Amino acid sequence: MKGKSFVAIIIIVAVIAFFLRVSIEKILFISILQNEAAAQATLKSIATALDSYARNNQGVYPKSLNTLSQSKPVYLDRDYIKESPLKGYIYNCIRMDEAGYNCHAFPSKCKLTGSLSFTVTTGNVFVSEDCSLKD
């Protein structure tokens, strides 16, 4: 009888472990999708704010995101670069000058907080690629 009880317990533990693994994978997948959607929306907001600023300033883009949140009218609610990481993504604008911009959103931990990196350039041109290609 003791042998059958032990086997039953092992089977129950194995089944519970399997369900936990599947549940954790699903939760992680959903979290990654939410982080990616937030990063896309944030970059699109940044690009729209930059383009609106340029339209209102004779085609001249600001030199920092801080300008967008400090100006009148306010074009952007906050400086996403200073507040990075947000929702698993790190934001950076490697080029911000009077002629245009090039901004990125990278997962803070590739394949854990996001699986895609995003880039937006002057004119609201949006590109995404697998984050593992950047490592």
Protein backbone atom coordinates (compact mmCIF):
# COMPACT_ATOMS: atom_id res chain seq x y z
CA MET A 1 0.00 0.00 0.00
CA LYS A 2 2.82 2.42 0.81
CA GLY A 3 4.25 2.05 -2.69
CA LYS A 4 0.92 2.93 -4.33
CA SER A 5 0.49 6.02 -2.10
CA PHE A 6 3.97 7.25 -2.97
CA VAL A 7 3.37 6.79 -6.71
CA ALA A 8 0.02 8.58 -6.43
CA ILE A 9 1.69 11.53 -4.67
CA ILE A 10 4.45 11.71 -7.31
CA ILE A 11 1.85 11.70 -10.11
CA ILE A 12 -0.16 14.46 -8.41
CA VAL A 13 2.99 16.58 -7.91
CA ALA A 14 3.98 16.05 -11.56
CA VAL A 15 0.53 17.10 -12.80
CA ILE A 16 0.54 20.20 -10.58
CA ALA A 17 4.06 21.12 -11.76
CA PHE A 18 2.96 20.76 -15.40
CA PHE A 19 -0.07 23.02 -14.90
CA LEU A 20 2.06 25.59 -13.06
CA ARG A 21 4.58 25.62 -15.90
CA VAL A 22 1.87 26.12 -18.53
CA SER A 23 0.22 28.86 -16.44
CA ILE A 24 3.47 30.74 -15.91
CA GLU A 25 4.28 30.58 -19.64
CA LYS A 26 0.83 32.00 -20.47
CA ILE A 27 1.19 34.78 -17.90
CA LEU A 28 4.65 35.67 -19.22
CA PHE A 29 3.37 35.66 -22.82
CA ILE A 30 0.47 37.98 -21.92
CA SER A 31 2.81 40.28 -19.98
CA ILE A 32 5.19 40.49 -22.96
CA LEU A 33 2.31 41.35 -25.30
CA GLN A 34 1.10 44.09 -22.94
CA ASN A 35 4.61 45.55 -22.61
CA GLU A 36 5.08 45.54 -26.38
CA ALA A 37 1.72 47.24 -26.96
CA ALA A 38 2.61 49.90 -24.38
CA ALA A 39 6.03 50.46 -25.99
CA GLN A 40 4.48 50.85 -29.45
CA ALA A 41 1.89 53.30 -28.14
CA THR A 42 4.54 55.29 -26.27
CA LEU A 43 6.83 55.56 -29.31
CA LYS A 44 3.91 56.60 -31.50
CA SER A 45 2.99 59.27 -28.93
CA ILE A 46 6.59 60.51 -28.89
CA ALA A 47 6.70 60.66 -32.71
CA THR A 48 3.35 62.44 -32.91
CA ALA A 49 4.46 64.97 -30.29
CA LEU A 50 7.75 65.57 -32.13
CA ASP A 51 5.99 66.02 -35.48
CA SER A 52 3.37 68.35 -33.95
CA TYR A 53 6.10 70.43 -32.33
CA ALA A 54 7.92 70.73 -35.68
CA ARG A 55 4.69 71.73 -37.48
CA ASN A 56 4.15 74.51 -34.95
CA ASN A 57 7.80 75.67 -35.05
CA GLN A 58 8.53 76.18 -38.76
CA GLY A 59 9.66 72.58 -39.29
CA VAL A 60 12.28 72.67 -36.53
CA TYR A 61 12.30 69.64 -34.19
CA PRO A 62 13.24 69.98 -30.49
CA LYS A 63 16.64 68.86 -29.28
CA SER A 64 15.24 66.88 -26.33
CA LEU A 65 12.02 65.26 -25.15
CA ASN A 66 12.15 67.51 -22.12
CA THR A 67 11.25 70.42 -24.42
CA LEU A 68 7.99 68.68 -25.34
CA SER A 69 6.84 68.39 -21.73
CA GLN A 70 8.03 71.88 -20.69
CA SER A 71 6.71 73.92 -23.63
CA LYS A 72 3.43 75.77 -24.05
CA PRO A 73 1.39 74.02 -25.30
CA VAL A 74 2.54 70.74 -23.74
CA TYR A 75 3.13 68.16 -26.47
CA LEU A 76 4.09 65.21 -24.28
CA ASP A 77 3.00 64.41 -20.73
CA ARG A 78 6.48 63.34 -19.52
CA ASP A 79 10.08 62.69 -20.52
CA TYR A 80 10.05 58.96 -21.28
CA ILE A 81 13.83 58.80 -21.64
CA LYS A 82 14.47 60.09 -18.11
CA GLU A 83 11.78 57.81 -16.66
CA SER A 84 13.02 54.63 -18.38
CA PRO A 85 12.51 51.76 -17.97
CA LEU A 86 8.72 51.84 -18.18
CA LYS A 87 6.64 48.66 -18.42
CA GLY A 88 9.71 46.59 -19.28
CA TYR A 89 11.07 48.90 -22.00
CA ILE A 90 13.94 51.38 -22.10
CA TYR A 91 13.44 54.45 -24.30
CA ASN A 92 16.20 56.34 -26.06
CA CYS A 93 16.46 58.90 -28.84
CA ILE A 94 19.88 58.53 -30.42
CA ARG A 95 19.21 61.41 -32.79
CA MET A 96 17.26 64.52 -31.90
CA ASP A 97 18.19 67.64 -33.78
CA GLU A 98 16.47 70.45 -35.65
CA ALA A 99 16.12 68.28 -38.78
CA GLY A 100 14.57 65.18 -37.24
CA TYR A 101 14.69 62.31 -34.78
CA ASN A 102 15.43 58.61 -34.33
CA CYS A 103 13.95 57.06 -31.18
CA HIS A 104 14.03 53.48 -29.88
CA ALA A 105 12.31 51.26 -27.35
CA PHE A 106 14.26 48.18 -26.25
CA PRO A 107 13.08 45.53 -23.77
CA SER A 108 15.00 45.85 -20.52
CA LYS A 109 15.42 42.04 -20.62
CA CYS A 110 15.10 40.54 -24.10
CA LYS A 111 12.54 37.70 -24.26
CA LEU A 112 11.48 38.33 -20.65
CA THR A 113 9.97 41.84 -20.67
CA GLY A 114 9.53 41.96 -24.45
CA SER A 115 10.56 40.12 -27.58
CA LEU A 116 10.55 43.04 -30.03
CA SER A 117 12.51 46.28 -30.22
CA PHE A 118 10.91 49.30 -31.87
CA THR A 119 12.28 52.28 -33.78
CA VAL A 120 10.52 55.41 -34.97
CA THR A 121 12.19 57.99 -37.21
CA THR A 122 11.36 61.40 -38.67
CA GLY A 123 7.96 61.40 -40.31
CA ASN A 124 6.57 58.77 -37.92
CA VAL A 125 8.22 55.84 -39.75
CA PHE A 126 7.83 52.86 -37.42
CA VAL A 127 9.92 49.65 -37.52
CA SER A 128 9.99 46.60 -35.24
CA GLU A 129 12.45 43.71 -35.05
CA ASP A 130 13.31 40.78 -32.82
CA CYS A 131 15.22 42.05 -29.79
CA SER A 132 17.69 39.16 -29.93
CA LEU A 133 19.09 40.64 -33.16
CA LYS A 134 20.37 43.63 -31.13
CA ASP A 135 22.34 41.57 -28.59
